């Protein structure tokens, strides 16, 4: 009689979503590290030119949208506050700082950057990969990370800080004007009371949030734009993934920073 040979159990296969997640986060962290390691390349004029163009596209061309959204946010928030607490300056200033300065302004700036810059950045890089332009840069001895990625990451960080600050000014200024008109309060008194209430810690946290949001949007977009592609039909997929994951990264970072700093 022949004994039946026992076959070894099949090796456990790694969980596909987990492996994809590890590759995703690992790839994005690598892009971030490689980009910041190439900051000395800013000494070259072509790299600075890319930085200036990114600042213009992400910052200056978004100013009108940010201004309009900031005005509407300030109008809505201050109207609800006036209906709730009347002309109480102390409560109004605290809520405006908590809601507008801390949270809404950095998030609005990040969302506008995702809508404008993330999709454009991922689409541009994806097209360059498919057309072989990124490979041509490497053949010429030009690092794509130094020329294409690093100045855009830095530009979106700086633009994020500027846009968030601009949104804060417009939203809070709208609140001051509406409160002064509705409750006959001197605008000067509102301004002095606001700056007496806000702290340097809150300003620093806002700047940190805005810079991190800008960097995350750029890094996620760069990662999805640089991934290997073979056909133009993959460009919309890369753009969609860049936008969705940029938004997810921004909101996750916002939650972590808020918990740690407040």
C-alpha atoms as a PDB file:
ATOM      1  CA  UNK A   1       0.000   0.000   0.000  1.00  0.00           C
ATOM      2  CA  UNK A   2       1.265   3.391  -0.869  1.00  0.00           C
ATOM      3  CA  UNK A   3       0.816   6.105   1.707  1.00  0.00           C
ATOM      4  CA  UNK A   4      -0.711   9.284   0.373  1.00  0.00           C
ATOM      5  CA  UNK A   5       1.858  12.023   0.241  1.00  0.00           C
ATOM      6  CA  UNK A   6       0.811  15.023   2.193  1.00  0.00           C
ATOM      7  CA  UNK A   7       1.058  18.191   0.216  1.00  0.00           C
ATOM      8  CA  UNK A   8       2.277  21.196   2.178  1.00  0.00           C
ATOM      9  CA  UNK A   9      -0.324  23.880   2.766  1.00  0.00           C
ATOM     10  CA  UNK A  10      -0.185  26.771   0.331  1.00  0.00           C
ATOM     11  CA  UNK A  11       1.932  29.679   1.443  1.00  0.00           C
ATOM     12  CA  UNK A  12      -0.049  32.552   2.829  1.00  0.00           C
ATOM     13  CA  UNK A  13      -0.401  35.217   0.216  1.00  0.00           C
ATOM     14  CA  UNK A  14       0.022  38.814   1.304  1.00  0.00           C
ATOM     15  CA  UNK A  15      -3.104  40.835   1.478  1.00  0.00           C
ATOM     16  CA  UNK A  16      -3.264  42.721  -1.834  1.00  0.00           C
ATOM     17  CA  UNK A  17      -4.842  45.935  -0.491  1.00  0.00           C
ATOM     18  CA  UNK A  18      -2.297  46.050   2.336  1.00  0.00           C
ATOM     19  CA  UNK A  19       0.624  45.597  -0.066  1.00  0.00           C
ATOM     20  CA  UNK A  20      -0.770  48.290  -2.367  1.00  0.00           C
ATOM     21  CA  UNK A  21      -1.179  50.607   0.612  1.00  0.00           C
ATOM     22  CA  UNK A  22       2.392  50.025   1.724  1.00  0.00           C
ATOM     23  CA  UNK A  23       3.673  50.731  -1.793  1.00  0.00           C
ATOM     24  CA  UNK A  24       1.504  53.846  -2.031  1.00  0.00           C
ATOM     25  CA  UNK A  25       2.669  55.416   1.230  1.00  0.00           C
ATOM     26  CA  UNK A  26       6.239  54.231   0.714  1.00  0.00           C
ATOM     27  CA  UNK A  27       6.349  55.740  -2.774  1.00  0.00           C
ATOM     28  CA  UNK A  28       4.961  59.066  -1.593  1.00  0.00           C
ATOM     29  CA  UNK A  29       7.410  59.234   1.310  1.00  0.00           C
ATOM     30  CA  UNK A  30      10.251  58.533  -1.095  1.00  0.00           C
ATOM     31  CA  UNK A  31       9.104  61.306  -3.434  1.00  0.00           C
ATOM     32  CA  UNK A  32       8.921  63.695  -0.473  1.00  0.00           C
ATOM     33  CA  UNK A  33      12.388  62.767   0.783  1.00  0.00           C
ATOM     34  CA  UNK A  34      13.997  62.939  -2.662  1.00  0.00           C
ATOM     35  CA  UNK A  35      12.365  66.298  -3.381  1.00  0.00           C
ATOM     36  CA  UNK A  36      13.542  67.962  -0.164  1.00  0.00           C
ATOM     37  CA  UNK A  37      17.033  66.519  -0.569  1.00  0.00           C
ATOM     38  CA  UNK A  38      17.296  68.433  -3.849  1.00  0.00           C
ATOM     39  CA  UNK A  39      16.668  71.912  -2.422  1.00  0.00           C
ATOM     40  CA  UNK A  40      20.240  73.017  -3.321  1.00  0.00           C
ATOM     41  CA  UNK A  41      19.174  72.813  -6.989  1.00  0.00           C
ATOM     42  CA  UNK A  42      17.343  76.120  -6.418  1.00  0.00           C
ATOM     43  CA  UNK A  43      20.691  77.774  -7.063  1.00  0.00           C
ATOM     44  CA  UNK A  44      20.115  77.143 -10.785  1.00  0.00           C
ATOM     45  CA  UNK A  45      18.000  79.638 -12.697  1.00  0.00           C
ATOM     46  CA  UNK A  46      15.889  77.083 -14.687  1.00  0.00           C
ATOM     47  CA  UNK A  47      14.798  75.474 -11.399  1.00  0.00           C
ATOM     48  CA  UNK A  48      13.937  78.857  -9.872  1.00  0.00           C
ATOM     49  CA  UNK A  49      11.973  79.647 -13.037  1.00  0.00           C
ATOM     50  CA  UNK A  50       9.833  76.537 -12.493  1.00  0.00           C
ATOM     51  CA  UNK A  51       9.311  77.634  -8.876  1.00  0.00           C
ATOM     52  CA  UNK A  52       8.176  81.112  -9.920  1.00  0.00           C
ATOM     53  CA  UNK A  53       5.785  79.705 -12.516  1.00  0.00           C
ATOM     54  CA  UNK A  54       4.280  77.387  -9.914  1.00  0.00           C
ATOM     55  CA  UNK A  55       3.856  80.268  -7.470  1.00  0.00           C
ATOM     56  CA  UNK A  56       2.091  82.274 -10.181  1.00  0.00           C
ATOM     57  CA  UNK A  57      -0.189  79.418 -11.245  1.00  0.00           C
ATOM     58  CA  UNK A  58      -1.079  78.149  -7.772  1.00  0.00           C
ATOM     59  CA  UNK A  59      -0.974  81.424  -5.872  1.00  0.00           C
ATOM     60  CA  UNK A  60      -1.716  84.484  -7.955  1.00  0.00           C
ATOM     61  CA  UNK A  61      -4.186  82.865 -10.360  1.00  0.00           C
ATOM     62  CA  UNK A  62      -6.113  81.377  -7.403  1.00  0.00           C
ATOM     63  CA  UNK A  63      -6.386  84.690  -5.545  1.00  0.00           C
ATOM     64  CA  UNK A  64      -9.750  85.654  -7.052  1.00  0.00           C
ATOM     65  CA  UNK A  65     -11.326  82.301  -6.170  1.00  0.00           C
ATOM     66  CA  UNK A  66      -9.903  82.382  -2.651  1.00  0.00           C
ATOM     67  CA  UNK A  67     -11.102  85.951  -2.172  1.00  0.00           C
ATOM     68  CA  UNK A  68     -14.657  85.124  -3.220  1.00  0.00           C
ATOM     69  CA  UNK A  69     -14.834  81.991  -1.080  1.00  0.00           C
ATOM     70  CA  UNK A  70     -13.294  83.826   1.885  1.00  0.00           C
ATOM     71  CA  UNK A  71     -15.859  86.621   1.560  1.00  0.00           C
ATOM     72  CA  UNK A  72     -18.767  84.166   1.473  1.00  0.00           C
ATOM     73  CA  UNK A  73     -17.407  82.135   4.392  1.00  0.00           C
ATOM     74  CA  UNK A  74     -16.891  85.253   6.476  1.00  0.00           C
ATOM     75  CA  UNK A  75     -20.373  86.517   5.623  1.00  0.00           C
ATOM     76  CA  UNK A  76     -22.048  83.207   6.503  1.00  0.00           C
ATOM     77  CA  UNK A  77     -20.136  82.622   9.727  1.00  0.00           C
ATOM     78  CA  UNK A  78     -20.528  86.166  11.060  1.00  0.00           C
ATOM     79  CA  UNK A  79     -24.238  86.277  10.185  1.00  0.00           C
ATOM     80  CA  UNK A  80     -24.880  83.090  12.159  1.00  0.00           C
ATOM     81  CA  UNK A  81     -22.753  84.390  15.040  1.00  0.00           C
ATOM     82  CA  UNK A  82     -24.558  87.730  15.157  1.00  0.00           C
ATOM     83  CA  UNK A  83     -27.895  85.955  15.256  1.00  0.00           C
ATOM     84  CA  UNK A  84     -26.613  83.744  18.069  1.00  0.00           C
ATOM     85  CA  UNK A  85     -24.629  86.080  20.346  1.00  0.00           C
ATOM     86  CA  UNK A  86     -25.456  89.532  19.013  1.00  0.00           C
ATOM     87  CA  UNK A  87     -22.640  92.062  19.291  1.00  0.00           C
ATOM     88  CA  UNK A  88     -20.608  90.163  21.894  1.00  0.00           C
ATOM     89  CA  UNK A  89     -17.083  90.892  20.674  1.00  0.00           C
ATOM     90  CA  UNK A  90     -15.303  88.383  22.909  1.00  0.00           C
ATOM     91  CA  UNK A  91     -17.371  85.394  21.794  1.00  0.00           C
ATOM     92  CA  UNK A  92     -17.394  86.520  18.158  1.00  0.00           C
ATOM     93  CA  UNK A  93     -13.612  86.861  18.026  1.00  0.00           C
ATOM     94  CA  UNK A  94     -13.008  83.486  19.649  1.00  0.00           C
ATOM     95  CA  UNK A  95     -15.366  81.667  17.292  1.00  0.00           C
ATOM     96  CA  UNK A  96     -13.898  83.436  14.249  1.00  0.00           C
ATOM     97  CA  UNK A  97     -10.415  82.383  15.338  1.00  0.00           C
ATOM     98  CA  UNK A  98     -11.450  78.788  16.054  1.00  0.00           C
ATOM     99  CA  UNK A  99     -13.556  78.313  12.938  1.00  0.00           C
ATOM    100  CA  UNK A 100     -12.060  80.569  10.260  1.00  0.00           C
ATOM    101  CA  UNK A 101      -8.432  81.168  11.200  1.00  0.00           C
ATOM    102  CA  UNK A 102      -7.620  77.715  12.554  1.00  0.00           C
ATOM    103  CA  UNK A 103      -9.655  75.440  10.309  1.00  0.00           C
ATOM    104  CA  UNK A 104     -11.553  76.831   7.360  1.00  0.00           C
ATOM    105  CA  UNK A 105      -8.931  79.116   5.812  1.00  0.00           C
ATOM    106  CA  UNK A 106      -6.168  76.460   5.521  1.00  0.00           C
ATOM    107  CA  UNK A 107      -8.696  73.874   4.332  1.00  0.00           C
ATOM    108  CA  UNK A 108     -10.215  76.204   1.734  1.00  0.00           C
ATOM    109  CA  UNK A 109      -6.756  77.059   0.392  1.00  0.00           C
ATOM    110  CA  UNK A 110      -5.886  73.353   0.205  1.00  0.00           C
ATOM    111  CA  UNK A 111      -9.142  72.424  -1.534  1.00  0.00           C
ATOM    112  CA  UNK A 112      -8.654  75.150  -4.149  1.00  0.00           C
ATOM    113  CA  UNK A 113      -5.097  73.926  -4.718  1.00  0.00           C
ATOM    114  CA  UNK A 114      -6.365  70.364  -5.151  1.00  0.00           C
ATOM    115  CA  UNK A 115      -8.961  71.486  -7.669  1.00  0.00           C
ATOM    116  CA  UNK A 116      -6.562  73.651  -9.698  1.00  0.00           C
ATOM    117  CA  UNK A 117      -3.007  72.486  -9.180  1.00  0.00           C
ATOM    118  CA  UNK A 118      -3.256  68.819  -8.230  1.00  0.00           C
ATOM    119  CA  UNK A 119      -5.160  67.810 -11.341  1.00  0.00           C
ATOM    120  CA  UNK A 120      -2.984  69.964 -13.620  1.00  0.00           C
ATOM    121  CA  UNK A 121       0.266  68.727 -12.043  1.00  0.00           C
ATOM    122  CA  UNK A 122      -0.671  65.042 -12.246  1.00  0.00           C
ATOM    123  CA  UNK A 123      -1.928  65.428 -15.807  1.00  0.00           C
ATOM    124  CA  UNK A 124       1.242  67.214 -16.939  1.00  0.00           C
ATOM    125  CA  UNK A 125       3.579  64.643 -15.392  1.00  0.00           C
ATOM    126  CA  UNK A 126       1.546  61.696 -16.706  1.00  0.00           C
ATOM    127  CA  UNK A 127       1.666  63.104 -20.221  1.00  0.00           C
ATOM    128  CA  UNK A 128       5.408  63.674 -19.951  1.00  0.00           C
ATOM    129  CA  UNK A 129       5.938  60.077 -18.808  1.00  0.00           C
ATOM    130  CA  UNK A 130       3.899  58.659 -21.696  1.00  0.00           C
ATOM    131  CA  UNK A 131       5.608  60.901 -24.281  1.00  0.00           C
ATOM    132  CA  UNK A 132       9.048  59.920 -22.988  1.00  0.00           C
ATOM    133  CA  UNK A 133       9.961  63.438 -21.855  1.00  0.00           C
ATOM    134  CA  UNK A 134      10.902  62.337 -18.345  1.00  0.00           C
ATOM    135  CA  UNK A 135      13.145  59.647 -19.802  1.00  0.00           C
ATOM    136  CA  UNK A 136      14.736  62.219 -22.107  1.00  0.00           C
ATOM    137  CA  UNK A 137      15.534  64.443 -19.128  1.00  0.00           C
ATOM    138  CA  UNK A 138      17.335  61.545 -17.470  1.00  0.00           C
ATOM    139  CA  UNK A 139      19.267  60.835 -20.679  1.00  0.00           C
ATOM    140  CA  UNK A 140      20.431  64.463 -20.711  1.00  0.00           C
ATOM    141  CA  UNK A 141      21.652  64.144 -17.121  1.00  0.00           C
ATOM    142  CA  UNK A 142      18.821  66.276 -15.675  1.00  0.00           C
ATOM    143  CA  UNK A 143      17.135  64.901 -12.574  1.00  0.00           C
ATOM    144  CA  UNK A 144      13.325  65.026 -12.979  1.00  0.00           C
ATOM    145  CA  UNK A 145      13.024  65.335  -9.198  1.00  0.00           C
ATOM    146  CA  UNK A 146      15.270  68.397  -9.156  1.00  0.00           C
ATOM    147  CA  UNK A 147      13.720  70.080 -12.189  1.00  0.00           C
ATOM    148  CA  UNK A 148      10.063  68.990 -12.135  1.00  0.00           C
ATOM    149  CA  UNK A 149       9.142  67.967  -8.588  1.00  0.00           C
ATOM    150  CA  UNK A 150      11.119  69.909  -5.975  1.00  0.00           C
ATOM    151  CA  UNK A 151      10.294  73.454  -7.206  1.00  0.00           C
ATOM    152  CA  UNK A 152       6.616  72.550  -7.517  1.00  0.00           C
ATOM    153  CA  UNK A 153       6.487  71.096  -4.004  1.00  0.00           C
ATOM    154  CA  UNK A 154       8.149  74.207  -2.587  1.00  0.00           C
ATOM    155  CA  UNK A 155       5.964  76.487  -4.694  1.00  0.00           C
ATOM    156  CA  UNK A 156       2.756  74.851  -3.506  1.00  0.00           C
ATOM    157  CA  UNK A 157       3.921  75.029   0.113  1.00  0.00           C
ATOM    158  CA  UNK A 158       4.558  78.768  -0.152  1.00  0.00           C
ATOM    159  CA  UNK A 159       1.373  79.348  -2.147  1.00  0.00           C
ATOM    160  CA  UNK A 160      -0.633  77.406   0.442  1.00  0.00           C
ATOM    161  CA  UNK A 161       0.616  79.682   3.225  1.00  0.00           C
ATOM    162  CA  UNK A 162      -0.113  82.830   1.213  1.00  0.00           C
ATOM    163  CA  UNK A 163      -3.582  81.691   0.108  1.00  0.00           C
ATOM    164  CA  UNK A 164      -4.602  80.673   3.634  1.00  0.00           C
ATOM    165  CA  UNK A 165      -3.432  84.045   4.976  1.00  0.00           C
ATOM    166  CA  UNK A 166      -5.331  85.875   2.229  1.00  0.00           C
ATOM    167  CA  UNK A 167      -8.480  83.848   2.946  1.00  0.00           C
ATOM    168  CA  UNK A 168      -8.191  84.683   6.653  1.00  0.00           C
ATOM    169  CA  UNK A 169      -7.865  88.402   5.948  1.00  0.00           C
ATOM    170  CA  UNK A 170     -10.877  88.457   3.621  1.00  0.00           C
ATOM    171  CA  UNK A 171     -13.106  86.295   5.847  1.00  0.00           C
ATOM    172  CA  UNK A 172     -12.256  88.029   9.124  1.00  0.00           C
ATOM    173  CA  UNK A 173     -12.387  91.472   7.488  1.00  0.00           C
ATOM    174  CA  UNK A 174     -15.847  90.684   6.141  1.00  0.00           C
ATOM    175  CA  UNK A 175     -16.889  89.695   9.650  1.00  0.00           C
ATOM    176  CA  UNK A 176     -15.617  92.971  11.068  1.00  0.00           C
ATOM    177  CA  UNK A 177     -17.460  95.073   8.506  1.00  0.00           C
ATOM    178  CA  UNK A 178     -20.760  93.174   8.849  1.00  0.00           C
ATOM    179  CA  UNK A 179     -20.658  93.324  12.652  1.00  0.00           C
ATOM    180  CA  UNK A 180     -19.834  97.042  12.612  1.00  0.00           C
ATOM    181  CA  UNK A 181     -22.752  97.786  10.285  1.00  0.00           C
ATOM    182  CA  UNK A 182     -25.297  95.609  12.090  1.00  0.00           C
ATOM    183  CA  UNK A 183     -24.446  96.532  15.698  1.00  0.00           C
ATOM    184  CA  UNK A 184     -22.982 100.038  15.393  1.00  0.00           C
ATOM    185  CA  UNK A 185     -19.597  98.934  16.753  1.00  0.00           C
ATOM    186  CA  UNK A 186     -16.472 100.831  15.830  1.00  0.00           C
ATOM    187  CA  UNK A 187     -14.369  98.909  13.329  1.00  0.00           C
ATOM    188  CA  UNK A 188     -11.210  99.998  15.152  1.00  0.00           C
ATOM    189  CA  UNK A 189     -12.439  98.447  18.409  1.00  0.00           C
ATOM    190  CA  UNK A 190     -13.164  95.159  16.637  1.00  0.00           C
ATOM    191  CA  UNK A 191      -9.674  95.029  15.139  1.00  0.00           C
ATOM    192  CA  UNK A 192      -7.957  95.750  18.455  1.00  0.00           C
ATOM    193  CA  UNK A 193     -10.120  93.194  20.256  1.00  0.00           C
ATOM    194  CA  UNK A 194      -9.352  90.527  17.642  1.00  0.00           C
ATOM    195  CA  UNK A 195      -5.582  90.964  17.862  1.00  0.00           C
ATOM    196  CA  UNK A 196      -5.766  90.913  21.650  1.00  0.00           C
ATOM    197  CA  UNK A 197      -7.572  87.564  21.479  1.00  0.00           C
ATOM    198  CA  UNK A 198      -5.485  85.702  18.898  1.00  0.00           C
ATOM    199  CA  UNK A 199      -2.203  84.141  20.042  1.00  0.00           C
ATOM    200  CA  UNK A 200       1.128  83.474  18.345  1.00  0.00           C
ATOM    201  CA  UNK A 201       0.548  79.758  18.860  1.00  0.00           C
ATOM    202  CA  UNK A 202      -2.591  79.869  16.720  1.00  0.00           C
ATOM    203  CA  UNK A 203      -0.812  81.826  13.993  1.00  0.00           C
ATOM    204  CA  UNK A 204       2.103  79.368  13.979  1.00  0.00           C
ATOM    205  CA  UNK A 205      -0.274  76.401  13.837  1.00  0.00           C
ATOM    206  CA  UNK A 206      -2.068  77.938  10.858  1.00  0.00           C
ATOM    207  CA  UNK A 207       1.197  78.509   8.984  1.00  0.00           C
ATOM    208  CA  UNK A 208       2.305  74.940   9.732  1.00  0.00           C
ATOM    209  CA  UNK A 209      -1.008  73.505   8.546  1.00  0.00           C
ATOM    210  CA  UNK A 210      -0.964  75.483   5.320  1.00  0.00           C
ATOM    211  CA  UNK A 211       2.623  74.479   4.505  1.00  0.00           C
ATOM    212  CA  UNK A 212       1.939  70.796   5.200  1.00  0.00           C
ATOM    213  CA  UNK A 213      -1.258  70.843   3.141  1.00  0.00           C
ATOM    214  CA  UNK A 214       0.554  72.382   0.180  1.00  0.00           C
ATOM    215  CA  UNK A 215       3.384  69.856   0.410  1.00  0.00           C
ATOM    216  CA  UNK A 216       0.959  66.926   0.656  1.00  0.00           C
ATOM    217  CA  UNK A 217      -1.022  68.029  -2.388  1.00  0.00           C
ATOM    218  CA  UNK A 218       2.163  68.399  -4.443  1.00  0.00           C
ATOM    219  CA  UNK A 219       3.748  65.124  -3.289  1.00  0.00           C
ATOM    220  CA  UNK A 220       0.634  63.004  -3.838  1.00  0.00           C
ATOM    221  CA  UNK A 221       0.100  64.558  -7.273  1.00  0.00           C
ATOM    222  CA  UNK A 222       3.742  64.028  -8.232  1.00  0.00           C
ATOM    223  CA  UNK A 223       3.647  60.391  -7.154  1.00  0.00           C
ATOM    224  CA  UNK A 224       0.577  59.568  -9.231  1.00  0.00           C
ATOM    225  CA  UNK A 225       1.871  61.599 -12.167  1.00  0.00           C
ATOM    226  CA  UNK A 226       5.250  59.834 -12.260  1.00  0.00           C
ATOM    227  CA  UNK A 227       3.941  56.278 -12.001  1.00  0.00           C
ATOM    228  CA  UNK A 228       4.665  54.104 -15.048  1.00  0.00           C
ATOM    229  CA  UNK A 229       2.095  54.473 -17.814  1.00  0.00           C
ATOM    230  CA  UNK A 230       1.793  53.177 -21.341  1.00  0.00           C
ATOM    231  CA  UNK A 231      -1.298  54.855 -22.800  1.00  0.00           C
ATOM    232  CA  UNK A 232      -3.015  58.243 -22.720  1.00  0.00           C
ATOM    233  CA  UNK A 233      -6.137  56.571 -21.338  1.00  0.00           C
ATOM    234  CA  UNK A 234      -4.284  56.212 -18.019  1.00  0.00           C
ATOM    235  CA  UNK A 235      -3.929  59.974 -17.593  1.00  0.00           C
ATOM    236  CA  UNK A 236      -7.525  60.575 -16.353  1.00  0.00           C
ATOM    237  CA  UNK A 237      -7.106  57.699 -13.898  1.00  0.00           C
ATOM    238  CA  UNK A 238      -3.920  59.241 -12.516  1.00  0.00           C
ATOM    239  CA  UNK A 239      -5.596  62.647 -12.215  1.00  0.00           C
ATOM    240  CA  UNK A 240      -8.603  61.172 -10.404  1.00  0.00           C
ATOM    241  CA  UNK A 241      -6.408  59.255  -7.966  1.00  0.00           C
ATOM    242  CA  UNK A 242      -4.248  62.330  -7.336  1.00  0.00           C
ATOM    243  CA  UNK A 243      -7.247  64.533  -6.537  1.00  0.00           C
ATOM    244  CA  UNK A 244      -9.035  62.044  -4.292  1.00  0.00           C
ATOM    245  CA  UNK A 245      -5.923  61.004  -2.376  1.00  0.00           C
ATOM    246  CA  UNK A 246      -4.733  64.591  -2.025  1.00  0.00           C
ATOM    247  CA  UNK A 247      -8.024  65.498  -0.366  1.00  0.00           C
ATOM    248  CA  UNK A 248      -7.809  62.444   1.875  1.00  0.00           C
ATOM    249  CA  UNK A 249      -4.224  63.299   2.876  1.00  0.00           C
ATOM    250  CA  UNK A 250      -5.179  66.915   3.646  1.00  0.00           C
ATOM    251  CA  UNK A 251      -8.083  65.978   5.917  1.00  0.00           C
ATOM    252  CA  UNK A 252      -6.064  63.290   7.679  1.00  0.00           C
ATOM    253  CA  UNK A 253      -3.231  65.749   8.303  1.00  0.00           C
ATOM    254  CA  UNK A 254      -5.706  68.365   9.517  1.00  0.00           C
ATOM    255  CA  UNK A 255      -7.117  65.948  12.088  1.00  0.00           C
ATOM    256  CA  UNK A 256      -3.671  64.901  13.329  1.00  0.00           C
ATOM    257  CA  UNK A 257      -2.345  68.470  13.605  1.00  0.00           C
ATOM    258  CA  UNK A 258      -5.479  69.690  15.367  1.00  0.00           C
ATOM    259  CA  UNK A 259      -5.322  66.908  17.947  1.00  0.00           C
ATOM    260  CA  UNK A 260      -1.589  67.410  18.576  1.00  0.00           C
ATOM    261  CA  UNK A 261      -1.527  71.224  18.717  1.00  0.00           C
ATOM    262  CA  UNK A 262      -4.796  72.009  20.457  1.00  0.00           C
END
